[in-house]
């Protein structure tokens, strides 16, 4: 039973708590056992504190035993937090040698604070590339994080540590950040559900280098777990000027309604991604997933937005590179000498873009947002591939041998960081090497609950599988 608790979905785990058939202490011990078994191979954590986790678990256990005194529906659930998210009492190194290991670490980010108030058990902080600058997870500080489906392949990034941990039960819930796909990329590569909420849904503080491109979202083994997590973290916080007021939606309301009658657009290339850049196995798996939505009663049509000549890759690159330049160039020469060479190259490119290009990209982002908003006004949902490829080798800065400066290899995800709509990924098959493929589900602004409802309908027909490694304990 103990080993099973670690890989159990959070919503099932808390049912056992309520029935007195399991406890937060047992679940935390199970998670720690899996960390001891798997983390040496995966390298998913930058910080662990089993003693603090067990103290939290014992406190939660007392609350459950009192009956009705629990702090939330996920009280006592073991959770991991990405290195980029401030967590009181735990180091937030941001994957960088330039950060001070001694902190002080005396504040929670809004999402960490909401989770702490909910009584979860924080297991530790998961790995990220330096300042989250690329879509894979490795750094000079912590090394490379491996894919739970195949050692030697990347888990994706920049929330790769959290995805790798979640996939094998080193925590029942995980939180990540997403500035160009950094929740959806690793969830696609590692076989999980991941949600980039509507910008402002989950408050973000302190401000990141990437400004309003950045989002905070859940990474989970079931869609329902993500909805439960959103009920905790999607709340107003005055520290984020973009945080939504009156943000009290119940993401489980209507969760089981399915997709019958919904209007869904399927776009295999989102109107701009070259066909030859989309792996054949990805295209076939996504098309098969789209057919499932048809069998579930949705009204699915092939349709792609007319982007009027705009290329989201160019727009995102300009924002990304110029933002990195602004961050790096504030640092001393001594600190810059300690940084990832690829990050420094990105900063150099960003510093030389020129004012006209940056201003043009800001205007183009607004145009793109209008186009996608108008397109999504015609439909309830939009389906695309999440990634055009599956997981490639570790220690590569990008797909196809890229240097990471150009992040255009993740076109389907970065588009919706620019335009702010909610976008999720859910596994929809495996490639020829047995690596996960992701389907991306998008809806209009603030329709996050609908995205999760649709993903749940698909999941009921095609449950999310765990990697073989998860059963080897």
Protein backbone atom coordinates (compact mmCIF):
# COMPACT_ATOMS: atom_id res chain seq x y z
CA UNK A 1 0.00 0.00 0.00
CA UNK A 2 2.75 2.48 0.95
CA UNK A 3 4.47 2.29 -2.45
CA UNK A 4 1.12 2.74 -4.21
CA UNK A 5 0.38 5.99 -2.36
CA UNK A 6 3.23 7.78 -4.09
CA UNK A 7 1.97 7.14 -7.62
CA UNK A 8 -1.69 7.57 -6.66
CA UNK A 9 -3.53 10.62 -8.02
CA UNK A 10 -4.04 13.27 -5.36
CA UNK A 11 -7.83 13.14 -5.60
CA UNK A 12 -7.77 9.43 -4.76
CA UNK A 13 -5.18 9.90 -2.04
CA UNK A 14 -7.32 12.37 -0.11
CA UNK A 15 -10.28 9.98 -0.30
CA UNK A 16 -8.11 7.47 1.55
CA UNK A 17 -7.21 10.14 4.10
CA UNK A 18 -10.89 10.85 4.68
CA UNK A 19 -11.70 7.13 5.06
CA UNK A 20 -8.76 6.68 7.47
CA UNK A 21 -7.26 4.09 5.10
CA UNK A 22 -4.07 6.10 4.58
CA UNK A 23 -2.41 9.13 6.13
CA UNK A 24 -0.27 12.08 5.05
CA UNK A 25 2.62 10.53 6.98
CA UNK A 26 2.37 7.30 4.98
CA UNK A 27 2.06 9.21 1.69
CA UNK A 28 5.07 11.38 2.50
CA UNK A 29 7.17 8.36 3.46
CA UNK A 30 6.18 6.75 0.15
CA UNK A 31 7.20 9.86 -1.81
CA UNK A 32 10.55 10.06 0.02
CA UNK A 33 11.16 6.37 -0.73
CA UNK A 34 10.62 7.05 -4.42
CA UNK A 35 12.92 10.06 -4.31
CA UNK A 36 15.63 7.88 -2.84
CA UNK A 37 15.04 5.26 -5.54
CA UNK A 38 14.65 7.45 -8.63
CA UNK A 39 16.30 10.81 -8.08
CA UNK A 40 19.88 9.48 -8.46
CA UNK A 41 18.94 8.50 -12.02
CA UNK A 42 16.69 11.42 -12.93
CA UNK A 43 18.29 14.34 -11.03
CA UNK A 44 14.98 16.13 -10.59
CA UNK A 45 15.58 17.98 -7.30
CA UNK A 46 17.76 20.92 -6.35
CA UNK A 47 16.67 20.84 -2.68
CA UNK A 48 15.16 18.20 -0.40
CA UNK A 49 14.23 18.44 3.26
CA UNK A 50 12.66 15.16 4.43
CA UNK A 51 12.59 16.26 8.07
CA UNK A 52 10.51 19.37 7.34
CA UNK A 53 8.26 17.34 5.03
CA UNK A 54 7.61 14.78 7.76
CA UNK A 55 6.79 17.49 10.30
CA UNK A 56 4.24 18.94 7.88
CA UNK A 57 2.83 15.47 7.24
CA UNK A 58 2.39 14.78 10.94
CA UNK A 59 0.62 18.12 11.43
CA UNK A 60 -1.72 17.30 8.54
CA UNK A 61 -2.37 13.83 9.90
CA UNK A 62 -3.58 15.38 13.17
CA UNK A 63 -5.96 17.63 11.24
CA UNK A 64 -7.47 14.72 9.31
CA UNK A 65 -7.91 12.69 12.50
CA UNK A 66 -9.92 15.49 14.07
CA UNK A 67 -12.43 15.22 11.22
CA UNK A 68 -13.56 18.29 9.31
CA UNK A 69 -10.58 20.34 10.49
CA UNK A 70 -8.49 19.96 7.38
CA UNK A 71 -7.28 23.13 5.68
CA UNK A 72 -8.31 22.17 2.13
CA UNK A 73 -9.17 19.28 -0.16
CA UNK A 74 -5.45 18.69 -0.74
CA UNK A 75 -4.32 18.98 2.88
CA UNK A 76 -1.41 16.59 3.42
CA UNK A 77 -0.70 15.89 -0.25
CA UNK A 78 3.05 15.76 -1.10
CA UNK A 79 3.94 18.58 -3.53
CA UNK A 80 7.07 19.72 -5.37
CA UNK A 81 7.81 23.33 -6.35
CA UNK A 82 9.95 24.52 -9.23
CA UNK A 83 13.24 26.23 -8.38
CA UNK A 84 11.95 29.46 -9.96
CA UNK A 85 9.09 29.80 -7.45
CA UNK A 86 9.91 31.40 -4.10
CA UNK A 87 9.17 29.07 -1.18
CA UNK A 88 9.75 30.20 2.37
CA UNK A 89 12.47 28.24 4.13
CA UNK A 90 13.70 26.57 0.93
CA UNK A 91 16.43 27.90 -1.39
CA UNK A 92 15.31 29.34 -4.71
CA UNK A 93 18.52 29.19 -6.73
CA UNK A 94 16.91 29.64 -10.17
CA UNK A 95 19.43 27.14 -11.46
CA UNK A 96 22.18 29.75 -11.23
CA UNK A 97 25.60 29.91 -9.63
CA UNK A 98 25.03 33.67 -9.34
CA UNK A 99 22.42 33.22 -6.58
CA UNK A 100 23.32 33.09 -2.90
CA UNK A 101 22.72 29.63 -1.41
CA UNK A 102 22.15 31.21 2.00
CA UNK A 103 19.22 33.33 0.87
CA UNK A 104 17.51 34.62 2.93
CA UNK A 105 14.47 32.58 1.92
CA UNK A 106 11.81 34.33 4.00
CA UNK A 107 8.92 34.81 1.56
CA UNK A 108 6.48 32.69 -0.44
CA UNK A 109 5.40 33.40 -3.99
CA UNK A 110 1.58 33.60 -4.24
CA UNK A 111 1.26 29.99 -5.44
CA UNK A 112 3.54 28.68 -2.68
CA UNK A 113 1.61 30.71 -0.12
CA UNK A 114 -1.77 29.36 -1.28
CA UNK A 115 -0.43 25.80 -1.17
CA UNK A 116 1.07 26.32 2.28
CA UNK A 117 -2.26 27.70 3.52
CA UNK A 118 -3.91 24.59 2.05
CA UNK A 119 -1.75 22.37 4.27
CA UNK A 120 0.22 20.54 1.60
CA UNK A 121 3.51 18.79 2.32
CA UNK A 122 6.39 20.49 0.51
CA UNK A 123 8.92 17.81 -0.43
CA UNK A 124 11.46 20.13 -2.04
CA UNK A 125 12.41 22.29 -5.00
CA UNK A 126 12.78 20.85 -8.50
CA UNK A 127 15.42 21.65 -11.10
CA UNK A 128 15.34 24.36 -13.75
CA UNK A 129 17.84 25.70 -16.27
CA UNK A 130 19.49 28.96 -15.28
CA UNK A 131 16.75 31.57 -14.83
CA UNK A 132 14.46 29.30 -16.90
CA UNK A 133 16.12 30.50 -20.11
CA UNK A 134 15.55 27.40 -22.28
CA UNK A 135 13.07 24.59 -22.92
CA UNK A 136 15.27 21.85 -21.47
CA UNK A 137 16.55 21.34 -17.94
CA UNK A 138 20.26 21.42 -17.22
CA UNK A 139 22.55 23.86 -15.47
CA UNK A 140 26.11 24.24 -14.27
CA UNK A 141 24.69 24.32 -10.74
CA UNK A 142 22.68 21.07 -10.74
CA UNK A 143 23.52 19.16 -13.93
CA UNK A 144 21.03 17.61 -16.36
CA UNK A 145 17.59 16.22 -15.56
CA UNK A 146 16.69 13.03 -17.43
CA UNK A 147 13.43 11.88 -18.94
CA UNK A 148 11.50 9.33 -16.84
CA UNK A 149 10.59 7.42 -19.98
CA UNK A 150 14.18 7.10 -21.20
CA UNK A 151 17.41 7.95 -19.41
CA UNK A 152 19.62 10.00 -21.73
CA UNK A 153 16.71 12.00 -23.14
CA UNK A 154 15.66 15.41 -21.82
CA UNK A 155 12.63 15.76 -19.60
CA UNK A 156 11.98 19.09 -21.32
CA UNK A 157 12.00 22.45 -19.61
CA UNK A 158 12.20 24.73 -18.07
CA UNK A 159 10.00 22.93 -15.50
CA UNK A 160 11.73 19.65 -16.30
CA UNK A 161 12.58 18.67 -12.74
CA UNK A 162 8.97 18.91 -11.62
CA UNK A 163 7.75 16.88 -14.59
CA UNK A 164 10.33 14.14 -14.09
CA UNK A 165 9.51 13.93 -10.39
CA UNK A 166 5.76 13.90 -10.90
CA UNK A 167 5.85 11.19 -13.57
CA UNK A 168 7.36 8.58 -11.23
CA UNK A 169 5.64 9.54 -7.98
CA UNK A 170 8.29 11.71 -6.38
CA UNK A 171 5.40 13.89 -5.25
CA UNK A 172 1.68 13.68 -5.99
CA UNK A 173 1.39 17.25 -7.33
CA UNK A 174 3.87 19.64 -8.95
CA UNK A 175 3.95 23.34 -9.73
CA UNK A 176 5.89 24.89 -12.60
CA UNK A 177 6.25 28.11 -14.56
CA UNK A 178 5.68 28.70 -18.27
CA UNK A 179 7.10 31.57 -20.37
CA UNK A 180 7.18 29.88 -23.79
CA UNK A 181 5.88 26.43 -22.92
CA UNK A 182 7.87 25.58 -19.81
CA UNK A 183 4.99 23.65 -18.21
CA UNK A 184 3.66 22.14 -21.44
CA UNK A 185 7.03 21.16 -22.99
CA UNK A 186 8.13 18.91 -20.10
CA UNK A 187 4.62 17.54 -19.60
CA UNK A 188 4.49 16.64 -23.30
CA UNK A 189 7.96 15.06 -23.20
CA UNK A 190 7.34 13.30 -19.86
CA UNK A 191 3.76 12.12 -20.32
CA UNK A 192 1.77 14.36 -17.95
CA UNK A 193 -1.13 16.77 -17.93
CA UNK A 194 0.02 20.38 -17.68
CA UNK A 195 -1.87 23.66 -17.77
CA UNK A 196 -0.72 27.16 -18.64
CA UNK A 197 -3.64 29.14 -17.23
CA UNK A 198 -4.98 32.38 -18.63
CA UNK A 199 -2.45 35.07 -17.78
CA UNK A 200 -3.46 36.56 -14.42
CA UNK A 201 -5.38 33.48 -13.25
CA UNK A 202 -2.52 32.36 -10.99
CA UNK A 203 -0.75 35.32 -9.43
CA UNK A 204 2.97 35.62 -10.10
CA UNK A 205 5.44 37.37 -7.83
CA UNK A 206 8.17 38.48 -7.82
CA UNK A 207 8.01 39.64 -11.45
CA UNK A 208 10.04 37.50 -13.80
CA UNK A 209 12.44 38.52 -16.54
CA UNK A 210 9.80 37.58 -19.10
CA UNK A 211 7.04 39.78 -17.72
CA UNK A 212 3.55 38.92 -18.96
CA UNK A 213 4.83 35.99 -21.00
CA UNK A 214 5.27 34.12 -17.71
CA UNK A 215 2.58 31.97 -16.12
CA UNK A 216 2.37 29.57 -13.17
CA UNK A 217 0.53 26.27 -13.54
CA UNK A 218 0.02 22.69 -12.34
CA UNK A 219 1.71 19.55 -13.63
CA UNK A 220 -0.19 16.41 -12.66
CA UNK A 221 -0.85 12.75 -13.44
CA UNK A 222 -4.60 13.33 -13.83
CA UNK A 223 -6.66 16.27 -15.02
CA UNK A 224 -8.81 16.28 -11.89
CA UNK A 225 -5.70 16.78 -9.76
CA UNK A 226 -4.88 19.90 -11.78
CA UNK A 227 -8.41 21.25 -11.29
CA UNK A 228 -8.14 20.66 -7.53
CA UNK A 229 -4.80 22.43 -7.52
CA UNK A 230 -6.21 25.38 -9.49
CA UNK A 231 -8.93 25.74 -6.87
CA UNK A 232 -6.12 26.51 -4.42
CA UNK A 233 -3.62 28.56 -6.42
CA UNK A 234 -5.92 30.55 -8.77
CA UNK A 235 -6.75 33.32 -6.33
CA UNK A 236 -6.22 37.08 -6.29
CA UNK A 237 -2.95 38.42 -4.92
CA UNK A 238 -2.19 42.15 -4.72
CA UNK A 239 1.51 41.56 -5.39
CA UNK A 240 0.72 40.78 -9.03
CA UNK A 241 -0.78 43.81 -10.85
CA UNK A 242 -2.27 41.44 -13.44
CA UNK A 243 -3.92 39.15 -10.88
CA UNK A 244 -7.63 38.75 -11.57
CA UNK A 245 -10.01 40.25 -9.01
CA UNK A 246 -12.94 38.16 -7.78
CA UNK A 247 -10.99 35.10 -8.90
CA UNK A 248 -13.03 32.48 -7.01
CA UNK A 249 -14.06 30.07 -9.77
CA UNK A 250 -14.58 26.41 -8.85
CA UNK A 251 -12.69 24.51 -11.55
CA UNK A 252 -14.45 21.26 -10.65
CA UNK A 253 -17.90 22.68 -11.38
CA UNK A 254 -19.17 21.02 -14.56
CA UNK A 255 -15.93 19.04 -14.74
CA UNK A 256 -17.65 15.82 -15.86
CA UNK A 257 -19.95 17.34 -18.49
CA UNK A 258 -17.86 16.10 -21.41
CA UNK A 259 -17.55 17.68 -24.85
CA UNK A 260 -20.77 16.67 -26.58
CA UNK A 261 -21.98 19.50 -28.76
CA UNK A 262 -18.88 21.66 -28.33
CA UNK A 263 -17.47 23.43 -31.38
CA UNK A 264 -13.84 22.44 -31.80
CA UNK A 265 -11.27 23.56 -34.37
CA UNK A 266 -8.39 21.23 -35.20
CA UNK A 267 -5.29 22.91 -36.59
CA UNK A 268 -2.39 20.57 -37.33
CA UNK A 269 0.01 23.47 -37.94
CA UNK A 270 -1.67 26.49 -36.28
CA UNK A 271 -1.50 28.27 -39.60
CA UNK A 272 2.28 28.77 -39.66
CA UNK A 273 4.32 25.72 -38.63
CA UNK A 274 6.01 24.04 -41.59
CA UNK A 275 4.74 20.48 -42.17
CA UNK A 276 8.25 19.04 -42.47
CA UNK A 277 9.07 20.27 -38.97
CA UNK A 278 6.33 18.16 -37.39
CA UNK A 279 7.42 14.60 -36.65
CA UNK A 280 5.26 12.05 -38.46
CA UNK A 281 4.55 10.09 -35.26
CA UNK A 282 3.37 13.31 -33.60
CA UNK A 283 1.06 14.18 -36.48
CA UNK A 284 -0.49 10.68 -36.55
CA UNK A 285 -1.04 10.54 -32.77
CA UNK A 286 -2.63 13.99 -32.64
CA UNK A 287 -4.96 13.18 -35.54
CA UNK A 288 -6.04 10.02 -33.72
CA UNK A 289 -6.73 12.07 -30.58
CA UNK A 290 -8.87 14.48 -32.58
CA UNK A 291 -10.98 11.55 -33.79
CA UNK A 292 -11.64 10.66 -30.15
CA UNK A 293 -13.23 14.07 -29.62
CA UNK A 294 -15.50 13.37 -32.59
CA UNK A 295 -16.60 10.05 -31.08
CA UNK A 296 -17.36 11.90 -27.84
CA UNK A 297 -19.91 14.04 -29.67
CA UNK A 298 -17.95 17.21 -30.33
CA UNK A 299 -18.39 19.11 -33.59
CA UNK A 300 -14.82 19.08 -34.91
CA UNK A 301 -13.72 20.93 -38.04
CA UNK A 302 -10.31 21.47 -39.60
CA UNK A 303 -9.56 25.16 -39.35
CA UNK A 304 -6.50 27.32 -38.75
CA UNK A 305 -6.22 31.01 -37.89
CA UNK A 306 -5.06 33.40 -40.59
CA UNK A 307 -2.08 35.07 -38.91
CA UNK A 308 -1.83 37.74 -41.61
CA UNK A 309 1.86 37.04 -42.20
CA UNK A 310 2.83 37.19 -38.52
CA UNK A 311 5.18 34.51 -37.21
CA UNK A 312 4.81 33.95 -33.45
CA UNK A 313 8.34 32.50 -33.34
CA UNK A 314 9.88 35.79 -34.41
CA UNK A 315 7.69 37.77 -32.02
CA UNK A 316 8.47 35.53 -29.05
CA UNK A 317 12.19 35.42 -29.82
CA UNK A 318 12.39 39.22 -29.84
CA UNK A 319 10.56 39.51 -26.53
CA UNK A 320 12.54 36.66 -24.99
CA UNK A 321 15.98 37.76 -26.12
CA UNK A 322 15.51 41.44 -25.24
CA UNK A 323 14.13 40.51 -21.81
CA UNK A 324 17.12 38.25 -21.15
CA UNK A 325 19.46 41.06 -22.17
CA UNK A 326 17.79 43.40 -19.70
CA UNK A 327 18.30 40.89 -16.91
CA UNK A 328 21.86 39.78 -17.70
CA UNK A 329 23.27 43.21 -18.42
CA UNK A 330 22.34 44.41 -14.92
CA UNK A 331 24.71 41.85 -13.40
CA UNK A 332 28.37 42.43 -12.61
CA UNK A 333 31.08 41.05 -14.93
CA UNK A 334 32.01 38.61 -12.16
CA UNK A 335 28.51 37.17 -12.07
CA UNK A 336 28.17 37.07 -15.85
CA UNK A 337 31.35 34.98 -15.96
CA UNK A 338 29.52 32.34 -13.89
CA UNK A 339 26.53 32.05 -16.24
CA UNK A 340 25.49 29.55 -18.88
CA UNK A 341 27.26 30.49 -22.16
CA UNK A 342 24.00 29.98 -24.06
CA UNK A 343 22.21 32.42 -21.78
CA UNK A 344 24.96 34.98 -22.37
CA UNK A 345 24.65 34.49 -26.14
CA UNK A 346 20.91 35.09 -25.87
CA UNK A 347 21.55 38.29 -23.93
CA UNK A 348 24.04 39.45 -26.54
CA UNK A 349 21.55 38.87 -29.35
CA UNK A 350 18.85 40.64 -27.36
CA UNK A 351 21.07 43.64 -26.66
CA UNK A 352 21.66 44.13 -30.39
CA UNK A 353 18.10 43.81 -31.66
CA UNK A 354 17.53 47.54 -31.87
CA UNK A 355 14.65 49.63 -30.61
CA UNK A 356 12.62 49.41 -33.82
CA UNK A 357 12.55 45.60 -33.81
CA UNK A 358 11.55 45.43 -30.16
CA UNK A 359 8.79 48.02 -30.55
CA UNK A 360 7.54 46.25 -33.68
CA UNK A 361 7.39 42.94 -31.80
CA UNK A 362 5.31 44.55 -29.05
CA UNK A 363 2.83 45.81 -31.66
CA UNK A 364 2.80 42.44 -33.44
CA UNK A 365 2.05 40.66 -30.17
CA UNK A 366 -1.05 42.82 -29.82
CA UNK A 367 -2.10 42.04 -33.39
CA UNK A 368 -1.57 38.33 -32.86
CA UNK A 369 -3.64 38.45 -29.68
CA UNK A 370 -6.56 40.04 -31.52
CA UNK A 371 -6.36 37.44 -34.29
CA UNK A 372 -6.36 34.49 -31.89
CA UNK A 373 -9.11 36.02 -29.74
CA UNK A 374 -11.33 36.47 -32.78
CA UNK A 375 -10.55 32.96 -34.00
CA UNK A 376 -11.36 31.41 -30.63
CA UNK A 377 -14.59 33.40 -30.42
CA UNK A 378 -15.88 31.09 -33.19
CA UNK A 379 -15.06 27.91 -31.27
CA UNK A 380 -15.20 26.47 -27.80
CA UNK A 381 -11.81 24.79 -28.17
CA UNK A 382 -8.79 24.56 -30.43
CA UNK A 383 -6.67 21.40 -30.76
CA UNK A 384 -3.04 21.33 -31.94
CA UNK A 385 0.07 19.27 -31.28
CA UNK A 386 1.82 20.39 -28.11
CA UNK A 387 5.32 19.86 -29.47
CA UNK A 388 6.40 19.11 -33.04
CA UNK A 389 8.82 16.46 -31.76
CA UNK A 390 9.36 14.15 -28.80
CA UNK A 391 12.17 14.22 -26.24
CA UNK A 392 15.68 14.54 -27.66
CA UNK A 393 19.06 14.00 -25.99
CA UNK A 394 20.00 15.62 -22.69
CA UNK A 395 22.52 18.48 -22.71
CA UNK A 396 21.20 19.88 -25.99
CA UNK A 397 19.94 23.47 -25.67
CA UNK A 398 17.16 22.94 -28.19
CA UNK A 399 15.74 20.58 -30.79
CA UNK A 400 17.51 19.93 -34.08
CA UNK A 401 20.86 20.87 -32.54
CA UNK A 402 19.75 24.42 -31.77
CA UNK A 403 21.66 26.65 -29.38
CA UNK A 404 18.62 27.72 -27.35
CA UNK A 405 18.91 31.34 -28.48
CA UNK A 406 16.16 30.66 -31.02
CA UNK A 407 13.24 29.06 -29.17
CA UNK A 408 11.19 28.66 -32.32
CA UNK A 409 11.36 24.86 -31.97
CA UNK A 410 8.38 25.10 -29.59
CA UNK A 411 5.96 27.02 -31.84
CA UNK A 412 2.66 25.59 -30.65
CA UNK A 413 3.23 26.47 -27.01
CA UNK A 414 4.91 29.88 -27.26
CA UNK A 415 2.04 31.28 -29.33
CA UNK A 416 -0.30 31.20 -26.33
CA UNK A 417 2.18 32.84 -24.00
CA UNK A 418 2.04 35.76 -26.38
CA UNK A 419 -1.76 35.78 -26.59
CA UNK A 420 -2.51 34.77 -22.96
CA UNK A 421 -5.22 32.13 -23.57
CA UNK A 422 -5.35 29.00 -21.39
CA UNK A 423 -3.54 26.08 -23.00
CA UNK A 424 -3.04 22.55 -21.70
CA UNK A 425 -1.23 19.44 -22.83
CA UNK A 426 -2.36 15.85 -22.31
CA UNK A 427 -0.58 12.67 -23.47
CA UNK A 428 -2.06 11.20 -26.66
CA UNK A 429 0.32 8.39 -27.61
CA UNK A 430 3.92 7.26 -27.93
CA UNK A 431 6.41 7.62 -30.76
CA UNK A 432 8.48 4.86 -32.37
CA UNK A 433 10.94 5.01 -29.46
CA UNK A 434 8.23 4.73 -26.83
CA UNK A 435 8.36 8.42 -25.86
CA UNK A 436 5.23 10.45 -25.03
CA UNK A 437 3.42 12.73 -27.47
CA UNK A 438 1.23 15.61 -26.33
CA UNK A 439 -2.07 17.05 -27.56
CA UNK A 440 -2.57 20.75 -26.84
CA UNK A 441 -6.05 22.01 -25.89
CA UNK A 442 -6.74 25.76 -26.00
CA UNK A 443 -9.76 27.94 -25.33
CA UNK A 444 -10.62 31.61 -25.05
CA UNK A 445 -9.50 33.85 -22.22
CA UNK A 446 -10.70 32.77 -18.76
CA UNK A 447 -12.13 29.48 -20.05
CA UNK A 448 -9.56 27.45 -18.15
CA UNK A 449 -12.27 25.24 -16.64
CA UNK A 450 -13.49 24.30 -20.12
CA UNK A 451 -9.97 23.31 -21.16
CA UNK A 452 -9.72 20.98 -18.17
CA UNK A 453 -13.24 19.65 -18.74
CA UNK A 454 -12.32 18.72 -22.31
CA UNK A 455 -9.04 17.17 -21.25
CA UNK A 456 -10.89 15.13 -18.61
CA UNK A 457 -13.33 13.86 -21.24
CA UNK A 458 -10.41 12.69 -23.36
CA UNK A 459 -8.65 11.20 -20.31
CA UNK A 460 -11.68 9.06 -19.45
CA UNK A 461 -11.28 7.36 -22.83
CA UNK A 462 -7.47 7.47 -22.98
CA UNK A 463 -6.11 7.38 -19.38
CA UNK A 464 -2.66 8.86 -18.79
CA UNK A 465 -0.11 6.03 -18.49
CA UNK A 466 2.82 6.09 -16.07
CA UNK A 467 6.33 5.49 -17.45
CA UNK A 468 7.63 1.92 -17.02
CA UNK A 469 10.20 3.26 -14.52
CA UNK A 470 7.39 4.21 -12.15
CA UNK A 471 6.58 0.52 -11.60
CA UNK A 472 10.17 -0.55 -10.92
CA UNK A 473 10.27 0.23 -7.21
